[in-house]
Amino acid sequence: MKNKFLNKLQLAIFAVLFSTAEVACASPVITPEMKTMITKFSLAMAGVVVFSIIISVGLALYNKFFVDKQIKDFKMNSDSLRTPTDKDEAIMSFITKNRG
């Protein structure tokens, strides 16, 4: 799983780098305005990547420490077609059934 995530991350970084480099180098002369644009776009994309990683790590930690404890306390009945009685039971049932 870790290698798969790192491979996807590396592929995304290369895709952004190569696509921006092709657009920027399409004209024979790189002007100072183009360098400024490339720098701003690269910084914006780096910010998107950093915050995406922060969000995914935060959600993984939240899942591990808070959601897993609630799921361990929740026991599924043998009757899987039973209708939940309240909102909390419906949420736990949904999370437990879709966890994989």
PDB file of N, CA and C in Angstrom:
ATOM      1  N   MET A   1       0.822  -1.185   0.000  1.00  0.00           N
ATOM      2  CA  MET A   1       0.000   0.000   0.000  1.00  0.00           C
ATOM      3  C   MET A   1       0.869   1.252   0.000  1.00  0.00           C
ATOM      4  N   LYS A   2       1.951   1.223   0.788  1.00  0.00           N
ATOM      5  CA  LYS A   2       2.824   2.378   0.877  1.00  0.00           C
ATOM      6  C   LYS A   2       3.510   2.623  -0.470  1.00  0.00           C
ATOM      7  N   ASN A   3       4.004   1.566  -1.104  1.00  0.00           N
ATOM      8  CA  ASN A   3       4.656   1.723  -2.396  1.00  0.00           C
ATOM      9  C   ASN A   3       3.685   2.215  -3.456  1.00  0.00           C
ATOM     10  N   LYS A   4       2.449   1.736  -3.408  1.00  0.00           N
ATOM     11  CA  LYS A   4       1.441   2.159  -4.371  1.00  0.00           C
ATOM     12  C   LYS A   4       1.174   3.657  -4.215  1.00  0.00           C
ATOM     13  N   PHE A   5       1.055   4.127  -2.969  1.00  0.00           N
ATOM     14  CA  PHE A   5       0.832   5.545  -2.713  1.00  0.00           C
ATOM     15  C   PHE A   5       2.020   6.382  -3.179  1.00  0.00           C
ATOM     16  N   LEU A   6       3.226   5.934  -2.881  1.00  0.00           N
ATOM     17  CA  LEU A   6       4.411   6.682  -3.294  1.00  0.00           C
ATOM     18  C   LEU A   6       4.550   6.708  -4.807  1.00  0.00           C
ATOM     19  N   ASN A   7       4.215   5.612  -5.481  1.00  0.00           N
ATOM     20  CA  ASN A   7       4.275   5.596  -6.942  1.00  0.00           C
ATOM     21  C   ASN A   7       3.268   6.567  -7.543  1.00  0.00           C
ATOM     22  N   LYS A   8       2.060   6.618  -6.992  1.00  0.00           N
ATOM     23  CA  LYS A   8       1.052   7.557  -7.491  1.00  0.00           C
ATOM     24  C   LYS A   8       1.472   8.996  -7.233  1.00  0.00           C
ATOM     25  N   LEU A   9       2.053   9.255  -6.064  1.00  0.00           N
ATOM     26  CA  LEU A   9       2.519  10.593  -5.738  1.00  0.00           C
ATOM     27  C   LEU A   9       3.637  11.016  -6.687  1.00  0.00           C
ATOM     28  N   GLN A  10       4.568  10.121  -6.941  1.00  0.00           N
ATOM     29  CA  GLN A  10       5.669  10.418  -7.850  1.00  0.00           C
ATOM     30  C   GLN A  10       5.149  10.664  -9.267  1.00  0.00           C
ATOM     31  N   LEU A  11       4.197   9.865  -9.713  1.00  0.00           N
ATOM     32  CA  LEU A  11       3.616  10.042 -11.036  1.00  0.00           C
ATOM     33  C   LEU A  11       2.910  11.390 -11.138  1.00  0.00           C
ATOM     34  N   ALA A  12       2.192  11.786 -10.098  1.00  0.00           N
ATOM     35  CA  ALA A  12       1.501  13.072 -10.105  1.00  0.00           C
ATOM     36  C   ALA A  12       2.499  14.226 -10.160  1.00  0.00           C
ATOM     37  N   ILE A  13       3.581  14.124  -9.412  1.00  0.00           N
ATOM     38  CA  ILE A  13       4.600  15.182  -9.426  1.00  0.00           C
ATOM     39  C   ILE A  13       5.231  15.300 -10.812  1.00  0.00           C
ATOM     40  N   PHE A  14       5.587  14.172 -11.399  1.00  0.00           N
ATOM     41  CA  PHE A  14       6.178  14.202 -12.739  1.00  0.00           C
ATOM     42  C   PHE A  14       5.198  14.740 -13.774  1.00  0.00           C
ATOM     43  N   ALA A  15       3.931  14.378 -13.661  1.00  0.00           N
ATOM     44  CA  ALA A  15       2.936  14.865 -14.616  1.00  0.00           C
ATOM     45  C   ALA A  15       2.822  16.381 -14.548  1.00  0.00           C
ATOM     46  N   VAL A  16       2.786  16.924 -13.335  1.00  0.00           N
ATOM     47  CA  VAL A  16       2.691  18.380 -13.185  1.00  0.00           C
ATOM     48  C   VAL A  16       3.962  19.050 -13.692  1.00  0.00           C
ATOM     49  N   LEU A  17       5.118  18.509 -13.352  1.00  0.00           N
ATOM     50  CA  LEU A  17       6.374  19.121 -13.780  1.00  0.00           C
ATOM     51  C   LEU A  17       6.526  19.102 -15.295  1.00  0.00           C
ATOM     52  N   PHE A  18       6.251  17.953 -15.906  1.00  0.00           N
ATOM     53  CA  PHE A  18       6.443  17.858 -17.344  1.00  0.00           C
ATOM     54  C   PHE A  18       5.393  18.650 -18.115  1.00  0.00           C
ATOM     55  N   SER A  19       4.170  18.693 -17.628  1.00  0.00           N
ATOM     56  CA  SER A  19       3.150  19.446 -18.358  1.00  0.00           C
ATOM     57  C   SER A  19       3.413  20.949 -18.261  1.00  0.00           C
ATOM     58  N   THR A  20       3.862  21.433 -17.107  1.00  0.00           N
ATOM     59  CA  THR A  20       4.147  22.864 -16.998  1.00  0.00           C
ATOM     60  C   THR A  20       5.411  23.221 -17.769  1.00  0.00           C
ATOM     61  N   ALA A  21       6.384  22.344 -17.818  1.00  0.00           N
ATOM     62  CA  ALA A  21       7.613  22.637 -18.549  1.00  0.00           C
ATOM     63  C   ALA A  21       7.339  22.700 -20.048  1.00  0.00           C
ATOM     64  N   GLU A  22       6.476  21.840 -20.559  1.00  0.00           N
ATOM     65  CA  GLU A  22       6.151  21.859 -21.985  1.00  0.00           C
ATOM     66  C   GLU A  22       5.443  23.148 -22.369  1.00  0.00           C
ATOM     67  N   VAL A  23       4.506  23.582 -21.570  1.00  0.00           N
ATOM     68  CA  VAL A  23       3.780  24.811 -21.871  1.00  0.00           C
ATOM     69  C   VAL A  23       4.718  26.009 -21.789  1.00  0.00           C
ATOM     70  N   ALA A  24       5.579  26.025 -20.811  1.00  0.00           N
ATOM     71  CA  ALA A  24       6.464  27.166 -20.618  1.00  0.00           C
ATOM     72  C   ALA A  24       7.535  27.238 -21.693  1.00  0.00           C
ATOM     73  N   CYS A  25       7.974  26.103 -22.195  1.00  0.00           N
ATOM     74  CA  CYS A  25       9.051  26.093 -23.179  1.00  0.00           C
ATOM     75  C   CYS A  25       8.534  25.995 -24.613  1.00  0.00           C
ATOM     76  N   ALA A  26       7.247  26.186 -24.822  1.00  0.00           N
ATOM     77  CA  ALA A  26       6.694  26.088 -26.174  1.00  0.00           C
ATOM     78  C   ALA A  26       7.187  27.235 -27.046  1.00  0.00           C
ATOM     79  N   SER A  27       7.376  28.384 -26.461  1.00  0.00           N
ATOM     80  CA  SER A  27       7.902  29.500 -27.252  1.00  0.00           C
ATOM     81  C   SER A  27       9.425  29.488 -27.165  1.00  0.00           C
ATOM     82  N   PRO A  28      10.091  29.970 -28.203  1.00  0.00           N
ATOM     83  CA  PRO A  28      11.552  29.901 -28.207  1.00  0.00           C
ATOM     84  C   PRO A  28      12.223  30.806 -27.167  1.00  0.00           C
ATOM     85  N   VAL A  29      11.538  31.860 -26.760  1.00  0.00           N
ATOM     86  CA  VAL A  29      12.136  32.796 -25.813  1.00  0.00           C
ATOM     87  C   VAL A  29      11.332  32.771 -24.514  1.00  0.00           C
ATOM     88  N   ILE A  30      12.029  32.565 -23.402  1.00  0.00           N
ATOM     89  CA  ILE A  30      11.365  32.586 -22.103  1.00  0.00           C
ATOM     90  C   ILE A  30      11.539  33.988 -21.525  1.00  0.00           C
ATOM     91  N   THR A  31      10.429  34.675 -21.380  1.00  0.00           N
ATOM     92  CA  THR A  31      10.460  36.045 -20.880  1.00  0.00           C
ATOM     93  C   THR A  31      10.415  36.039 -19.353  1.00  0.00           C
ATOM     94  N   PRO A  32      10.774  37.144 -18.746  1.00  0.00           N
ATOM     95  CA  PRO A  32      10.698  37.221 -17.274  1.00  0.00           C
ATOM     96  C   PRO A  32       9.276  37.008 -16.746  1.00  0.00           C
ATOM     97  N   GLU A  33       8.277  37.443 -17.540  1.00  0.00           N
ATOM     98  CA  GLU A  33       6.894  37.224 -17.113  1.00  0.00           C
ATOM     99  C   GLU A  33       6.575  35.731 -17.058  1.00  0.00           C
ATOM    100  N   MET A  34       7.115  34.975 -18.008  1.00  0.00           N
ATOM    101  CA  MET A  34       6.875  33.531 -18.021  1.00  0.00           C
ATOM    102  C   MET A  34       7.550  32.866 -16.826  1.00  0.00           C
ATOM    103  N   LYS A  35       8.743  33.332 -16.486  1.00  0.00           N
ATOM    104  CA  LYS A  35       9.428  32.762 -15.322  1.00  0.00           C
ATOM    105  C   LYS A  35       8.643  33.039 -14.044  1.00  0.00           C
ATOM    106  N   THR A  36       8.088  34.233 -13.938  1.00  0.00           N
ATOM    107  CA  THR A  36       7.277  34.575 -12.781  1.00  0.00           C
ATOM    108  C   THR A  36       6.026  33.687 -12.724  1.00  0.00           C
ATOM    109  N   MET A  37       5.397  33.495 -13.889  1.00  0.00           N
ATOM    110  CA  MET A  37       4.200  32.666 -13.946  1.00  0.00           C
ATOM    111  C   MET A  37       4.525  31.221 -13.572  1.00  0.00           C
ATOM    112  N   ILE A  38       5.626  30.708 -14.094  1.00  0.00           N
ATOM    113  CA  ILE A  38       6.026  29.330 -13.794  1.00  0.00           C
ATOM    114  C   ILE A  38       6.311  29.173 -12.303  1.00  0.00           C
ATOM    115  N   THR A  39       6.981  30.146 -11.721  1.00  0.00           N
ATOM    116  CA  THR A  39       7.299  30.092 -10.296  1.00  0.00           C
ATOM    117  C   THR A  39       6.034  30.112  -9.449  1.00  0.00           C
ATOM    118  N   LYS A  40       5.111  31.020  -9.769  1.00  0.00           N
ATOM    119  CA  LYS A  40       3.870  31.107  -9.000  1.00  0.00           C
ATOM    120  C   LYS A  40       3.054  29.827  -9.136  1.00  0.00           C
ATOM    121  N   PHE A  41       2.955  29.307 -10.358  1.00  0.00           N
ATOM    122  CA  PHE A  41       2.184  28.081 -10.571  1.00  0.00           C
ATOM    123  C   PHE A  41       2.826  26.906  -9.839  1.00  0.00           C
ATOM    124  N   SER A  42       4.151  26.808  -9.896  1.00  0.00           N
ATOM    125  CA  SER A  42       4.840  25.711  -9.207  1.00  0.00           C
ATOM    126  C   SER A  42       4.647  25.800  -7.697  1.00  0.00           C
ATOM    127  N   LEU A  43       4.695  27.006  -7.148  1.00  0.00           N
ATOM    128  CA  LEU A  43       4.465  27.176  -5.714  1.00  0.00           C
ATOM    129  C   LEU A  43       3.027  26.822  -5.345  1.00  0.00           C
ATOM    130  N   ALA A  44       2.074  27.206  -6.192  1.00  0.00           N
ATOM    131  CA  ALA A  44       0.681  26.865  -5.926  1.00  0.00           C
ATOM    132  C   ALA A  44       0.480  25.351  -5.963  1.00  0.00           C
ATOM    133  N   MET A  45       1.066  24.676  -6.929  1.00  0.00           N
ATOM    134  CA  MET A  45       0.941  23.221  -7.023  1.00  0.00           C
ATOM    135  C   MET A  45       1.635  22.521  -5.849  1.00  0.00           C
ATOM    136  N   ALA A  46       2.768  23.070  -5.426  1.00  0.00           N
ATOM    137  CA  ALA A  46       3.461  22.508  -4.264  1.00  0.00           C
ATOM    138  C   ALA A  46       2.589  22.661  -3.014  1.00  0.00           C
ATOM    139  N   GLY A  47       1.918  23.805  -2.886  1.00  0.00           N
ATOM    140  CA  GLY A  47       1.003  24.014  -1.770  1.00  0.00           C
ATOM    141  C   GLY A  47      -0.154  23.036  -1.793  1.00  0.00           C
ATOM    142  N   VAL A  48      -0.699  22.780  -2.978  1.00  0.00           N
ATOM    143  CA  VAL A  48      -1.792  21.814  -3.107  1.00  0.00           C
ATOM    144  C   VAL A  48      -1.319  20.426  -2.678  1.00  0.00           C
ATOM    145  N   VAL A  49      -0.136  20.036  -3.125  1.00  0.00           N
ATOM    146  CA  VAL A  49       0.397  18.718  -2.777  1.00  0.00           C
ATOM    147  C   VAL A  49       0.633  18.613  -1.265  1.00  0.00           C
ATOM    148  N   VAL A  50       1.241  19.628  -0.683  1.00  0.00           N
ATOM    149  CA  VAL A  50       1.539  19.607   0.755  1.00  0.00           C
ATOM    150  C   VAL A  50       0.250  19.520   1.573  1.00  0.00           C
ATOM    151  N   PHE A  51      -0.741  20.351   1.237  1.00  0.00           N
ATOM    152  CA  PHE A  51      -1.974  20.325   2.008  1.00  0.00           C
ATOM    153  C   PHE A  51      -2.775  19.049   1.761  1.00  0.00           C
ATOM    154  N   SER A  52      -2.680  18.469   0.574  1.00  0.00           N
ATOM    155  CA  SER A  52      -3.344  17.181   0.315  1.00  0.00           C
ATOM    156  C   SER A  52      -2.733  16.088   1.182  1.00  0.00           C
ATOM    157  N   ILE A  53      -1.416  16.107   1.298  1.00  0.00           N
ATOM    158  CA  ILE A  53      -0.742  15.114   2.151  1.00  0.00           C
ATOM    159  C   ILE A  53      -1.115  15.335   3.618  1.00  0.00           C
ATOM    160  N   ILE A  54      -1.163  16.592   4.051  1.00  0.00           N
ATOM    161  CA  ILE A  54      -1.533  16.892   5.436  1.00  0.00           C
ATOM    162  C   ILE A  54      -2.959  16.425   5.720  1.00  0.00           C
ATOM    163  N   ILE A  55      -3.874  16.668   4.796  1.00  0.00           N
ATOM    164  CA  ILE A  55      -5.261  16.248   4.991  1.00  0.00           C
ATOM    165  C   ILE A  55      -5.372  14.733   5.023  1.00  0.00           C
ATOM    166  N   SER A  56      -4.687  14.051   4.107  1.00  0.00           N
ATOM    167  CA  SER A  56      -4.791  12.586   4.084  1.00  0.00           C
ATOM    168  C   SER A  56      -4.170  11.963   5.331  1.00  0.00           C
ATOM    169  N   VAL A  57      -3.053  12.506   5.808  1.00  0.00           N
ATOM    170  CA  VAL A  57      -2.446  12.003   7.044  1.00  0.00           C
ATOM    171  C   VAL A  57      -3.359  12.294   8.238  1.00  0.00           C
ATOM    172  N   GLY A  58      -3.945  13.475   8.272  1.00  0.00           N
ATOM    173  CA  GLY A  58      -4.862  13.821   9.355  1.00  0.00           C
ATOM    174  C   GLY A  58      -6.081  12.916   9.383  1.00  0.00           C
ATOM    175  N   LEU A  59      -6.645  12.634   8.213  1.00  0.00           N
ATOM    176  CA  LEU A  59      -7.803  11.740   8.156  1.00  0.00           C
ATOM    177  C   LEU A  59      -7.419  10.311   8.529  1.00  0.00           C
ATOM    178  N   ALA A  60      -6.236   9.886   8.130  1.00  0.00           N
ATOM    179  CA  ALA A  60      -5.793   8.533   8.495  1.00  0.00           C
ATOM    180  C   ALA A  60      -5.627   8.420  10.008  1.00  0.00           C
ATOM    181  N   LEU A  61      -5.031   9.434  10.626  1.00  0.00           N
ATOM    182  CA  LEU A  61      -4.869   9.421  12.083  1.00  0.00           C
ATOM    183  C   LEU A  61      -6.230   9.478  12.790  1.00  0.00           C
ATOM    184  N   TYR A  62      -7.124  10.308  12.279  1.00  0.00           N
ATOM    185  CA  TYR A  62      -8.468  10.390  12.860  1.00  0.00           C
ATOM    186  C   TYR A  62      -9.163   9.039  12.759  1.00  0.00           C
ATOM    187  N   ASN A  63      -9.047   8.414  11.595  1.00  0.00           N
ATOM    188  CA  ASN A  63      -9.643   7.086  11.395  1.00  0.00           C
ATOM    189  C   ASN A  63      -9.062   6.079  12.374  1.00  0.00           C
ATOM    190  N   LYS A  64      -7.743   6.113  12.533  1.00  0.00           N
ATOM    191  CA  LYS A  64      -7.080   5.118  13.367  1.00  0.00           C
ATOM    192  C   LYS A  64      -7.421   5.281  14.845  1.00  0.00           C
ATOM    193  N   PHE A  65      -7.421   6.502  15.340  1.00  0.00           N
ATOM    194  CA  PHE A  65      -7.568   6.707  16.777  1.00  0.00           C
ATOM    195  C   PHE A  65      -9.003   6.913  17.245  1.00  0.00           C
ATOM    196  N   PHE A  66      -9.872   7.451  16.400  1.00  0.00           N
ATOM    197  CA  PHE A  66     -11.221   7.761  16.860  1.00  0.00           C
ATOM    198  C   PHE A  66     -12.286   6.836  16.264  1.00  0.00           C
ATOM    199  N   VAL A  67     -12.236   6.619  14.961  1.00  0.00           N
ATOM    200  CA  VAL A  67     -13.281   5.819  14.316  1.00  0.00           C
ATOM    201  C   VAL A  67     -13.128   4.342  14.654  1.00  0.00           C
ATOM    202  N   ASP A  68     -11.900   3.834  14.665  1.00  0.00           N
ATOM    203  CA  ASP A  68     -11.688   2.422  14.967  1.00  0.00           C
ATOM    204  C   ASP A  68     -12.174   2.054  16.368  1.00  0.00           C
ATOM    205  N   LYS A  69     -12.021   2.951  17.336  1.00  0.00           N
ATOM    206  CA  LYS A  69     -12.496   2.672  18.692  1.00  0.00           C
ATOM    207  C   LYS A  69     -14.012   2.551  18.715  1.00  0.00           C
ATOM    208  N   GLN A  70     -14.696   3.401  17.951  1.00  0.00           N
ATOM    209  CA  GLN A  70     -16.151   3.341  17.907  1.00  0.00           C
ATOM    210  C   GLN A  70     -16.620   2.073  17.204  1.00  0.00           C
ATOM    211  N   ILE A  71     -15.905   1.680  16.161  1.00  0.00           N
ATOM    212  CA  ILE A  71     -16.296   0.493  15.403  1.00  0.00           C
ATOM    213  C   ILE A  71     -16.074  -0.763  16.240  1.00  0.00           C
ATOM    214  N   LYS A  72     -15.008  -0.807  17.037  1.00  0.00           N
ATOM    215  CA  LYS A  72     -14.759  -1.975  17.876  1.00  0.00           C
ATOM    216  C   LYS A  72     -15.886  -2.175  18.884  1.00  0.00           C
ATOM    217  N   ASP A  73     -16.457  -1.079  19.377  1.00  0.00           N
ATOM    218  CA  ASP A  73     -17.555  -1.178  20.338  1.00  0.00           C
ATOM    219  C   ASP A  73     -18.867  -1.557  19.665  1.00  0.00           C
ATOM    220  N   PHE A  74     -18.974  -1.314  18.386  1.00  0.00           N
ATOM    221  CA  PHE A  74     -20.212  -1.583  17.667  1.00  0.00           C
ATOM    222  C   PHE A  74     -20.227  -3.029  17.199  1.00  0.00           C
ATOM    223  N   LYS A  75     -21.227  -3.771  17.583  1.00  0.00           N
ATOM    224  CA  LYS A  75     -21.348  -5.179  17.200  1.00  0.00           C
ATOM    225  C   LYS A  75     -22.425  -5.317  16.133  1.00  0.00           C
ATOM    226  N   MET A  76     -22.062  -5.947  15.019  1.00  0.00           N
ATOM    227  CA  MET A  76     -23.043  -6.201  13.961  1.00  0.00           C
ATOM    228  C   MET A  76     -23.867  -7.433  14.348  1.00  0.00           C
ATOM    229  N   ASN A  77     -25.152  -7.325  14.187  1.00  0.00           N
ATOM    230  CA  ASN A  77     -26.014  -8.471  14.420  1.00  0.00           C
ATOM    231  C   ASN A  77     -25.927  -9.416  13.218  1.00  0.00           C
ATOM    232  N   SER A  78     -26.369 -10.649  13.425  1.00  0.00           N
ATOM    233  CA  SER A  78     -26.328 -11.610  12.329  1.00  0.00           C
ATOM    234  C   SER A  78     -27.326 -11.250  11.239  1.00  0.00           C
ATOM    235  N   ASP A  79     -28.347 -10.475  11.583  1.00  0.00           N
ATOM    236  CA  ASP A  79     -29.338 -10.056  10.604  1.00  0.00           C
ATOM    237  C   ASP A  79     -28.860  -8.763   9.947  1.00  0.00           C
ATOM    238  N   SER A  80     -28.249  -8.873   8.777  1.00  0.00           N
ATOM    239  CA  SER A  80     -27.660  -7.694   8.151  1.00  0.00           C
ATOM    240  C   SER A  80     -28.696  -6.806   7.474  1.00  0.00           C
ATOM    241  N   LEU A  81     -29.931  -7.280   7.305  1.00  0.00           N
ATOM    242  CA  LEU A  81     -30.972  -6.468   6.670  1.00  0.00           C
ATOM    243  C   LEU A  81     -31.834  -5.720   7.680  1.00  0.00           C
ATOM    244  N   ARG A  82     -31.459  -5.782   8.948  1.00  0.00           N
ATOM    245  CA  ARG A  82     -32.204  -5.100  10.001  1.00  0.00           C
ATOM    246  C   ARG A  82     -32.071  -3.584   9.841  1.00  0.00           C
ATOM    247  N   THR A  83     -33.133  -2.857  10.050  1.00  0.00           N
ATOM    248  CA  THR A  83     -33.128  -1.399   9.941  1.00  0.00           C
ATOM    249  C   THR A  83     -32.567  -0.796  11.224  1.00  0.00           C
ATOM    250  N   PRO A  84     -31.620   0.129  11.115  1.00  0.00           N
ATOM    251  CA  PRO A  84     -31.076   0.780  12.318  1.00  0.00           C
ATOM    252  C   PRO A  84     -32.159   1.578  13.041  1.00  0.00           C
ATOM    253  N   THR A  85     -32.040   1.650  14.340  1.00  0.00           N
ATOM    254  CA  THR A  85     -33.062   2.335  15.134  1.00  0.00           C
ATOM    255  C   THR A  85     -32.813   3.834  15.278  1.00  0.00           C
ATOM    256  N   ASP A  86     -31.543   4.264  15.230  1.00  0.00           N
ATOM    257  CA  ASP A  86     -31.258   5.690  15.329  1.00  0.00           C
ATOM    258  C   ASP A  86     -30.124   6.074  14.385  1.00  0.00           C
ATOM    259  N   LYS A  87     -29.810   7.358  14.382  1.00  0.00           N
ATOM    260  CA  LYS A  87     -28.816   7.889  13.455  1.00  0.00           C
ATOM    261  C   LYS A  87     -27.422   7.319  13.728  1.00  0.00           C
ATOM    262  N   ASP A  88     -27.025   7.234  14.984  1.00  0.00           N
ATOM    263  CA  ASP A  88     -25.693   6.736  15.317  1.00  0.00           C
ATOM    264  C   ASP A  88     -25.513   5.279  14.895  1.00  0.00           C
ATOM    265  N   GLU A  89     -26.545   4.477  15.116  1.00  0.00           N
ATOM    266  CA  GLU A  89     -26.470   3.077  14.717  1.00  0.00           C
ATOM    267  C   GLU A  89     -26.401   2.943  13.188  1.00  0.00           C
ATOM    268  N   ALA A  90     -27.101   3.824  12.479  1.00  0.00           N
ATOM    269  CA  ALA A  90     -27.063   3.796  11.016  1.00  0.00           C
ATOM    270  C   ALA A  90     -25.671   4.155  10.501  1.00  0.00           C
ATOM    271  N   ILE A  91     -25.059   5.150  11.118  1.00  0.00           N
ATOM    272  CA  ILE A  91     -23.710   5.559  10.705  1.00  0.00           C
ATOM    273  C   ILE A  91     -22.706   4.445  10.978  1.00  0.00           C
ATOM    274  N   MET A  92     -22.774   3.853  12.174  1.00  0.00           N
ATOM    275  CA  MET A  92     -21.846   2.756  12.511  1.00  0.00           C
ATOM    276  C   MET A  92     -22.059   1.553  11.602  1.00  0.00           C
ATOM    277  N   SER A  93     -23.304   1.269  11.282  1.00  0.00           N
ATOM    278  CA  SER A  93     -23.601   0.156  10.390  1.00  0.00           C
ATOM    279  C   SER A  93     -23.014   0.402   9.002  1.00  0.00           C
ATOM    280  N   PHE A  94     -23.173   1.613   8.503  1.00  0.00           N
ATOM    281  CA  PHE A  94     -22.640   1.973   7.189  1.00  0.00           C
ATOM    282  C   PHE A  94     -21.118   1.870   7.175  1.00  0.00           C
ATOM    283  N   ILE A  95     -20.459   2.432   8.178  1.00  0.00           N
ATOM    284  CA  ILE A  95     -18.989   2.410   8.244  1.00  0.00           C
ATOM    285  C   ILE A  95     -18.489   0.980   8.365  1.00  0.00           C
ATOM    286  N   THR A  96     -19.143   0.161   9.196  1.00  0.00           N
ATOM    287  CA  THR A  96     -18.705  -1.216   9.404  1.00  0.00           C
ATOM    288  C   THR A  96     -18.870  -2.043   8.150  1.00  0.00           C
ATOM    289  N   LYS A  97     -19.979  -1.887   7.463  1.00  0.00           N
ATOM    290  CA  LYS A  97     -20.221  -2.674   6.250  1.00  0.00           C
ATOM    291  C   LYS A  97     -19.299  -2.267   5.101  1.00  0.00           C
ATOM    292  N   ASN A  98     -18.940  -0.988   5.031  1.00  0.00           N
ATOM    293  CA  ASN A  98     -18.128  -0.503   3.920  1.00  0.00           C
ATOM    294  C   ASN A  98     -16.636  -0.465   4.223  1.00  0.00           C
ATOM    295  N   ARG A  99     -16.273  -0.914   5.378  1.00  0.00           N
ATOM    296  CA  ARG A  99     -14.852  -0.945   5.759  1.00  0.00           C
ATOM    297  C   ARG A  99     -14.222  -2.152   5.085  1.00  0.00           C
ATOM    298  N   GLY A 100     -13.114  -1.982   4.427  1.00  0.00           N
ATOM    299  CA  GLY A 100     -12.563  -3.151   3.773  1.00  0.00           C
ATOM    300  C   GLY A 100     -11.167  -3.117   3.567  1.00  0.00           C
TER     301      GLY A 100
END
